[in-house]
């Protein structure tokens, strides 16, 4: 393993930002730290970078004790949400900055710096913009300059703290693809902080889900989607609804109907089932299911989402393709709603 973090803890007053966090990352792996605000993901990233000193625990990289090294000695590349570019410097000078400020004995020759900057700008698809200033660039272009600058020092590890947070949705999606391609070509271990589950699931080899300073689950995007370890992970990874019932072997029984449990064996007796809108059926009133009133039909790209309320005011959602909208899905209509399958924790 390239990176090894063991039992890391960090306390701010009475608040535990990190509480016994342990994880590993292989050389060249893309690891996403995912969680809500306050979950500890940025504190963990800053501890790896050397910008925060943990109270207890260890951080090793390629067999070296990172906690005994300064941030410069760790040789990590950092990319933040707000670029942190020098406004008075051109693109090429921003990218070259980390090389030019090295002590004389370790500073590359000017020709080598110029060649490295040119190759990096080509890598991030900004060749031809060397002489522009940050104010002359779009937000996405500025973020790519920041990425090229982080790579210029030939980091052993690349750390990104919500780098797309200030960008609009389309630019974010375009940069996701570019970042993954850059990561693969650079071959550097990458740690990426985000609160956006789509970004984490699209980009990462593995995702670390944090909550309240602890790790809820570590796994590939496929593993997290198919086998979430907790109700928190299931809810954080996408829209869902809850429904109380009674576990009976591999299914859960509700009032007049039942549904299979995906993770059977995790609970017994009275339990709460969780399920997704796209695994929810909507039938005509009178069929087995939760009696609901359809309040609205919303378009979401290629699918339609029916927003429904039960008689006691609970919100449920059901998704369908535009070609298979059931007759019961009409605003103001009464219907019966039931999950096709559920998770129980």
Protein backbone atom coordinates (compact mmCIF):
# COMPACT_ATOMS: atom_id res chain seq x y z
CA UNK A 1 0.00 0.00 0.00
CA UNK A 2 1.21 3.50 -0.89
CA UNK A 3 -0.69 5.40 1.84
CA UNK A 4 -1.48 3.99 5.27
CA UNK A 5 -3.50 5.93 7.86
CA UNK A 6 -4.09 4.30 11.25
CA UNK A 7 -6.31 5.38 14.14
CA UNK A 8 -6.14 9.08 13.29
CA UNK A 9 -7.87 11.39 15.77
CA UNK A 10 -8.26 15.18 15.88
CA UNK A 11 -10.23 17.15 18.45
CA UNK A 12 -11.30 20.82 18.22
CA UNK A 13 -12.48 21.74 21.69
CA UNK A 14 -15.25 19.25 22.47
CA UNK A 15 -15.78 18.36 18.81
CA UNK A 16 -14.10 15.25 17.40
CA UNK A 17 -13.26 16.09 13.78
CA UNK A 18 -11.61 12.67 13.37
CA UNK A 19 -12.30 9.73 15.63
CA UNK A 20 -10.08 6.71 15.02
CA UNK A 21 -9.90 6.88 11.21
CA UNK A 22 -7.94 4.13 9.44
CA UNK A 23 -7.59 3.56 5.69
CA UNK A 24 -5.14 2.51 3.00
CA UNK A 25 -4.60 3.49 -0.63
CA UNK A 26 -2.62 1.62 -3.25
CA UNK A 27 0.02 3.29 -5.42
CA UNK A 28 -1.73 5.14 -8.26
CA UNK A 29 -5.20 4.65 -6.74
CA UNK A 30 -7.92 7.31 -6.94
CA UNK A 31 -9.58 7.52 -3.51
CA UNK A 32 -12.58 9.77 -2.83
CA UNK A 33 -13.42 11.04 0.67
CA UNK A 34 -17.19 11.49 0.67
CA UNK A 35 -19.43 12.89 3.38
CA UNK A 36 -21.55 15.83 4.53
CA UNK A 37 -20.14 19.06 5.95
CA UNK A 38 -18.49 18.36 9.28
CA UNK A 39 -17.87 14.68 8.58
CA UNK A 40 -14.07 15.06 8.85
CA UNK A 41 -13.05 14.63 5.21
CA UNK A 42 -11.17 17.96 4.85
CA UNK A 43 -9.49 17.52 8.25
CA UNK A 44 -8.30 14.09 7.11
CA UNK A 45 -6.96 15.52 3.85
CA UNK A 46 -5.17 18.35 5.68
CA UNK A 47 -3.60 15.87 8.12
CA UNK A 48 -2.23 13.86 5.18
CA UNK A 49 -0.91 17.07 3.59
CA UNK A 50 0.75 18.28 6.81
CA UNK A 51 -1.53 21.28 7.24
CA UNK A 52 -3.07 19.81 10.41
CA UNK A 53 -1.33 17.90 13.17
CA UNK A 54 -3.49 15.01 14.46
CA UNK A 55 -3.76 14.38 18.19
CA UNK A 56 -3.10 10.65 17.82
CA UNK A 57 -2.53 8.11 15.06
CA UNK A 58 -0.06 7.58 12.23
CA UNK A 59 0.23 8.55 8.56
CA UNK A 60 2.72 6.62 6.42
CA UNK A 61 3.44 7.03 2.72
CA UNK A 62 5.68 4.59 0.88
CA UNK A 63 7.05 3.44 4.24
CA UNK A 64 7.90 6.96 5.47
CA UNK A 65 6.45 8.54 8.62
CA UNK A 66 4.63 11.56 7.18
CA UNK A 67 4.00 13.07 10.61
CA UNK A 68 7.75 13.60 11.06
CA UNK A 69 8.01 15.49 7.75
CA UNK A 70 7.14 19.06 6.83
CA UNK A 71 4.53 19.67 4.10
CA UNK A 72 7.37 20.47 1.65
CA UNK A 73 9.20 17.24 2.51
CA UNK A 74 6.03 15.22 1.89
CA UNK A 75 5.97 16.53 -1.70
CA UNK A 76 2.24 16.47 -2.19
CA UNK A 77 0.32 18.50 -4.75
CA UNK A 78 -2.64 20.47 -3.37
CA UNK A 79 -5.66 21.75 -5.29
CA UNK A 80 -8.33 23.76 -3.47
CA UNK A 81 -11.86 24.87 -4.35
CA UNK A 82 -10.92 28.51 -4.91
CA UNK A 83 -7.88 28.02 -7.16
CA UNK A 84 -5.47 30.24 -5.12
CA UNK A 85 -3.81 31.47 -8.33
CA UNK A 86 -1.57 34.53 -8.36
CA UNK A 87 -3.53 37.20 -10.21
CA UNK A 88 -0.40 39.14 -11.24
CA UNK A 89 1.21 36.07 -12.84
CA UNK A 90 0.53 34.55 -16.25
CA UNK A 91 -0.68 30.98 -16.61
CA UNK A 92 2.83 29.65 -17.28
CA UNK A 93 4.30 31.51 -14.28
CA UNK A 94 1.54 30.21 -12.01
CA UNK A 95 2.24 26.64 -13.11
CA UNK A 96 6.00 27.10 -12.72
CA UNK A 97 5.76 28.77 -9.31
CA UNK A 98 6.44 25.67 -7.19
CA UNK A 99 9.57 24.93 -9.21
CA UNK A 100 10.91 28.49 -9.28
CA UNK A 101 10.73 28.97 -5.49
CA UNK A 102 12.81 25.90 -4.73
CA UNK A 103 16.25 26.47 -3.18
CA UNK A 104 18.95 26.97 -5.79
CA UNK A 105 20.48 23.50 -5.46
CA UNK A 106 17.14 21.78 -6.17
CA UNK A 107 15.70 24.22 -8.69
CA UNK A 108 15.52 22.84 -12.25
CA UNK A 109 17.15 24.79 -15.10
CA UNK A 110 14.93 27.37 -16.81
CA UNK A 111 14.75 25.33 -20.00
CA UNK A 112 13.57 22.27 -18.06
CA UNK A 113 10.95 24.34 -16.22
CA UNK A 114 9.67 25.77 -19.49
CA UNK A 115 9.47 22.31 -21.06
CA UNK A 116 7.66 20.83 -18.03
CA UNK A 117 5.14 23.68 -17.97
CA UNK A 118 4.43 23.25 -21.70
CA UNK A 119 3.81 19.51 -21.26
CA UNK A 120 1.51 20.08 -18.28
CA UNK A 121 -0.55 22.72 -20.08
CA UNK A 122 -0.97 20.27 -22.94
CA UNK A 123 -2.01 17.60 -20.43
CA UNK A 124 -4.75 19.85 -18.97
CA UNK A 125 -5.72 21.09 -22.45
CA UNK A 126 -4.62 24.69 -21.92
CA UNK A 127 -1.72 24.86 -24.38
CA UNK A 128 -1.81 28.19 -26.19
CA UNK A 129 -2.98 30.09 -23.09
CA UNK A 130 0.46 30.44 -21.48
CA UNK A 131 0.51 34.26 -21.57
CA UNK A 132 -3.00 34.84 -20.22
CA UNK A 133 -3.72 35.98 -16.68
CA UNK A 134 -6.24 34.28 -14.34
CA UNK A 135 -8.79 37.08 -14.88
CA UNK A 136 -8.82 36.19 -18.60
CA UNK A 137 -9.80 32.57 -17.94
CA UNK A 138 -13.07 30.81 -17.17
CA UNK A 139 -13.60 29.07 -13.81
CA UNK A 140 -12.94 25.66 -15.35
CA UNK A 141 -9.74 26.88 -16.99
CA UNK A 142 -8.49 28.38 -13.72
CA UNK A 143 -9.08 25.09 -11.95
CA UNK A 144 -7.06 23.29 -14.62
CA UNK A 145 -4.22 25.80 -14.12
CA UNK A 146 -4.33 25.00 -10.39
CA UNK A 147 -4.18 21.28 -11.22
CA UNK A 148 -1.21 21.78 -13.57
CA UNK A 149 0.57 23.80 -10.87
CA UNK A 150 0.05 20.99 -8.35
CA UNK A 151 1.47 18.45 -10.83
CA UNK A 152 4.45 20.63 -11.77
CA UNK A 153 6.40 19.70 -8.64
CA UNK A 154 6.05 16.01 -9.61
CA UNK A 155 4.13 15.19 -6.43
CA UNK A 156 4.13 11.73 -4.94
CA UNK A 157 0.48 12.26 -4.05
CA UNK A 158 -2.23 14.61 -5.36
CA UNK A 159 -4.73 16.00 -2.83
CA UNK A 160 -7.87 17.81 -4.00
CA UNK A 161 -10.26 19.54 -1.60
CA UNK A 162 -13.67 20.01 -3.29
CA UNK A 163 -11.94 21.42 -6.40
CA UNK A 164 -15.15 21.75 -8.42
CA UNK A 165 -17.32 23.29 -5.71
CA UNK A 166 -17.34 26.79 -7.22
CA UNK A 167 -18.17 25.65 -10.78
CA UNK A 168 -21.49 25.15 -12.54
CA UNK A 169 -22.90 21.67 -13.20
CA UNK A 170 -21.83 21.32 -16.84
CA UNK A 171 -18.26 22.49 -16.20
CA UNK A 172 -18.04 20.16 -13.20
CA UNK A 173 -19.06 17.19 -15.34
CA UNK A 174 -16.55 18.06 -18.07
CA UNK A 175 -13.75 18.48 -15.53
CA UNK A 176 -14.57 15.13 -13.92
CA UNK A 177 -13.73 13.33 -17.14
CA UNK A 178 -10.58 15.40 -17.63
CA UNK A 179 -9.41 14.85 -14.04
CA UNK A 180 -9.80 11.09 -14.32
CA UNK A 181 -7.85 11.07 -17.61
CA UNK A 182 -5.11 13.26 -16.09
CA UNK A 183 -4.91 10.99 -13.05
CA UNK A 184 -4.44 7.91 -15.22
CA UNK A 185 -1.76 9.55 -17.37
CA UNK A 186 0.11 11.01 -14.38
CA UNK A 187 -0.08 7.74 -12.42
CA UNK A 188 -0.05 9.55 -9.07
CA UNK A 189 -1.98 8.46 -5.97
CA UNK A 190 -4.95 10.84 -5.73
CA UNK A 191 -7.14 11.72 -2.73
CA UNK A 192 -10.26 13.68 -3.65
CA UNK A 193 -12.59 15.35 -1.11
CA UNK A 194 -16.23 15.91 -2.10
CA UNK A 195 -19.74 16.04 -0.65
CA UNK A 196 -21.19 15.19 -4.09
CA UNK A 197 -21.93 11.47 -4.37
CA UNK A 198 -22.11 11.61 -8.18
CA UNK A 199 -18.56 12.99 -8.36
CA UNK A 200 -17.23 10.37 -5.97
CA UNK A 201 -18.98 7.48 -7.74
CA UNK A 202 -17.91 8.68 -11.21
CA UNK A 203 -14.27 9.39 -10.41
CA UNK A 204 -12.96 7.09 -7.71
CA UNK A 205 -11.56 3.57 -7.68
CA UNK A 206 -12.78 3.39 -4.09
CA UNK A 207 -14.92 5.69 -1.95
CA UNK A 208 -14.45 6.40 1.77
CA UNK A 209 -17.78 7.46 3.31
CA UNK A 210 -17.29 9.56 6.46
CA UNK A 211 -19.84 10.62 9.06
CA UNK A 212 -19.16 12.44 12.32
CA UNK A 213 -15.41 11.88 12.15
CA UNK A 214 -15.72 8.13 11.58
CA UNK A 215 -15.61 5.92 8.50
CA UNK A 216 -18.97 4.36 7.73
CA UNK A 217 -17.76 2.28 4.77
CA UNK A 218 -14.91 1.92 2.25
CA UNK A 219 -15.54 0.26 -1.09
CA UNK A 220 -15.73 0.57 -4.84
CA UNK A 221 -18.66 2.58 -6.23
CA UNK A 222 -20.32 -0.70 -7.21
CA UNK A 223 -19.88 -2.17 -3.73
CA UNK A 224 -21.35 0.90 -2.05
CA UNK A 225 -24.35 0.91 -4.37
CA UNK A 226 -25.10 -2.82 -4.10
CA UNK A 227 -24.10 -3.46 -0.48
CA UNK A 228 -24.31 -0.28 1.66
CA UNK A 229 -23.09 -1.00 5.19
CA UNK A 230 -25.51 1.31 7.01
CA UNK A 231 -28.66 3.36 6.65
CA UNK A 232 -26.48 6.49 6.56
CA UNK A 233 -24.54 5.23 3.53
CA UNK A 234 -27.75 4.20 1.74
CA UNK A 235 -29.39 7.58 2.33
CA UNK A 236 -26.29 9.62 1.48
CA UNK A 237 -25.82 7.88 -1.87
CA UNK A 238 -29.23 8.83 -3.25
CA UNK A 239 -32.90 9.63 -2.69
CA UNK A 240 -34.81 7.08 -0.67
CA UNK A 241 -37.95 6.52 1.38
CA UNK A 242 -38.60 4.71 4.67
CA UNK A 243 -41.41 2.37 5.59
CA UNK A 244 -41.92 0.42 8.84
CA UNK A 245 -42.71 -3.28 8.75
CA UNK A 246 -41.90 -6.65 10.27
CA UNK A 247 -39.05 -8.83 9.04
CA UNK A 248 -40.06 -12.37 8.09
CA UNK A 249 -37.00 -14.27 6.84
CA UNK A 250 -35.86 -12.76 3.55
CA UNK A 251 -38.80 -10.38 3.21
CA UNK A 252 -40.46 -7.64 5.21
CA UNK A 253 -44.24 -7.53 5.69
CA UNK A 254 -46.19 -4.29 5.69
CA UNK A 255 -49.92 -3.70 6.02
CA UNK A 256 -51.33 -6.03 3.36
CA UNK A 257 -48.22 -6.47 1.21
CA UNK A 258 -44.55 -7.45 1.42
CA UNK A 259 -41.19 -6.84 -0.29
CA UNK A 260 -37.95 -8.84 -0.58
CA UNK A 261 -35.00 -7.70 1.52
CA UNK A 262 -31.77 -7.26 -0.47
CA UNK A 263 -29.53 -7.62 2.59
CA UNK A 264 -31.57 -10.31 4.34
CA UNK A 265 -30.34 -11.43 7.74
CA UNK A 266 -29.37 -7.94 8.92
CA UNK A 267 -32.43 -7.45 11.14
CA UNK A 268 -35.30 -9.27 12.84
CA UNK A 269 -38.68 -8.27 14.20
CA UNK A 270 -39.97 -4.71 13.75
CA UNK A 271 -37.73 -2.77 11.35
CA UNK A 272 -37.61 0.15 8.96
CA UNK A 273 -37.17 -0.57 5.27
CA UNK A 274 -35.33 1.80 2.92
CA UNK A 275 -35.91 1.87 -0.84
CA UNK A 276 -35.18 3.98 -3.92
CA UNK A 277 -37.66 5.93 -6.11
CA UNK A 278 -36.65 3.87 -9.15
CA UNK A 279 -37.49 0.67 -7.27
CA UNK A 280 -40.98 1.87 -6.36
CA UNK A 281 -44.23 0.80 -8.02
CA UNK A 282 -47.40 2.88 -8.31
CA UNK A 283 -50.67 1.04 -8.87
CA UNK A 284 -54.34 1.93 -9.01
CA UNK A 285 -56.04 2.59 -5.69
CA UNK A 286 -57.30 -0.53 -4.01
CA UNK A 287 -54.30 -2.71 -4.92
CA UNK A 288 -51.88 -3.76 -2.12
CA UNK A 289 -49.62 -0.89 -1.08
CA UNK A 290 -49.47 2.39 0.84
CA UNK A 291 -52.49 4.58 -0.02
CA UNK A 292 -51.16 7.86 -1.45
CA UNK A 293 -52.23 10.95 -3.34
CA UNK A 294 -50.14 11.89 -6.38
CA UNK A 295 -49.28 15.58 -6.03
CA UNK A 296 -47.00 16.21 -8.99
CA UNK A 297 -45.17 14.59 -11.90
CA UNK A 298 -41.65 16.02 -12.42
CA UNK A 299 -39.42 15.53 -15.46
CA UNK A 300 -35.87 14.37 -14.71
CA UNK A 301 -34.13 13.85 -18.04
CA UNK A 302 -35.25 10.52 -19.50
CA UNK A 303 -37.42 9.67 -16.49
CA UNK A 304 -40.50 11.06 -14.77
CA UNK A 305 -40.79 11.25 -10.98
CA UNK A 306 -44.14 11.07 -9.21
CA UNK A 307 -44.28 12.94 -5.89
CA UNK A 308 -46.82 11.33 -3.57
CA UNK A 309 -48.10 11.88 -0.04
CA UNK A 310 -49.55 9.22 2.23
CA UNK A 311 -52.68 9.99 4.24
CA UNK A 312 -50.50 10.78 7.29
CA UNK A 313 -48.39 13.28 5.32
CA UNK A 314 -45.27 11.22 4.51
CA UNK A 315 -43.52 11.99 1.20
CA UNK A 316 -42.84 9.15 -1.24
CA UNK A 317 -41.36 9.32 -4.75
CA UNK A 318 -41.58 6.87 -7.63
CA UNK A 319 -39.62 7.04 -10.90
CA UNK A 320 -40.65 5.73 -14.30
CA UNK A 321 -39.47 5.94 -17.88
CA UNK A 322 -41.46 8.33 -20.03
CA UNK A 323 -42.76 5.36 -22.06
CA UNK A 324 -44.00 3.39 -19.04
CA UNK A 325 -45.84 5.88 -16.85
CA UNK A 326 -48.54 3.85 -15.01
CA UNK A 327 -52.20 4.96 -15.26
CA UNK A 328 -52.18 5.70 -11.51
CA UNK A 329 -49.48 8.37 -11.95
CA UNK A 330 -51.61 11.47 -12.54
CA UNK A 331 -51.63 14.63 -10.40
CA UNK A 332 -54.45 14.64 -7.88
CA UNK A 333 -55.12 10.92 -8.32
CA UNK A 334 -55.27 8.28 -5.61
CA UNK A 335 -52.89 5.34 -5.89
CA UNK A 336 -51.22 2.46 -4.06
CA UNK A 337 -47.44 2.62 -3.66
CA UNK A 338 -45.08 -0.23 -2.82
CA UNK A 339 -41.34 -0.99 -3.09
CA UNK A 340 -40.07 -3.73 -5.39
CA UNK A 341 -37.21 -4.49 -2.97
CA UNK A 342 -35.79 -2.92 0.18
CA UNK A 343 -32.73 -2.66 2.40
CA UNK A 344 -33.06 -3.18 6.17
CA UNK A 345 -30.31 -2.13 8.60
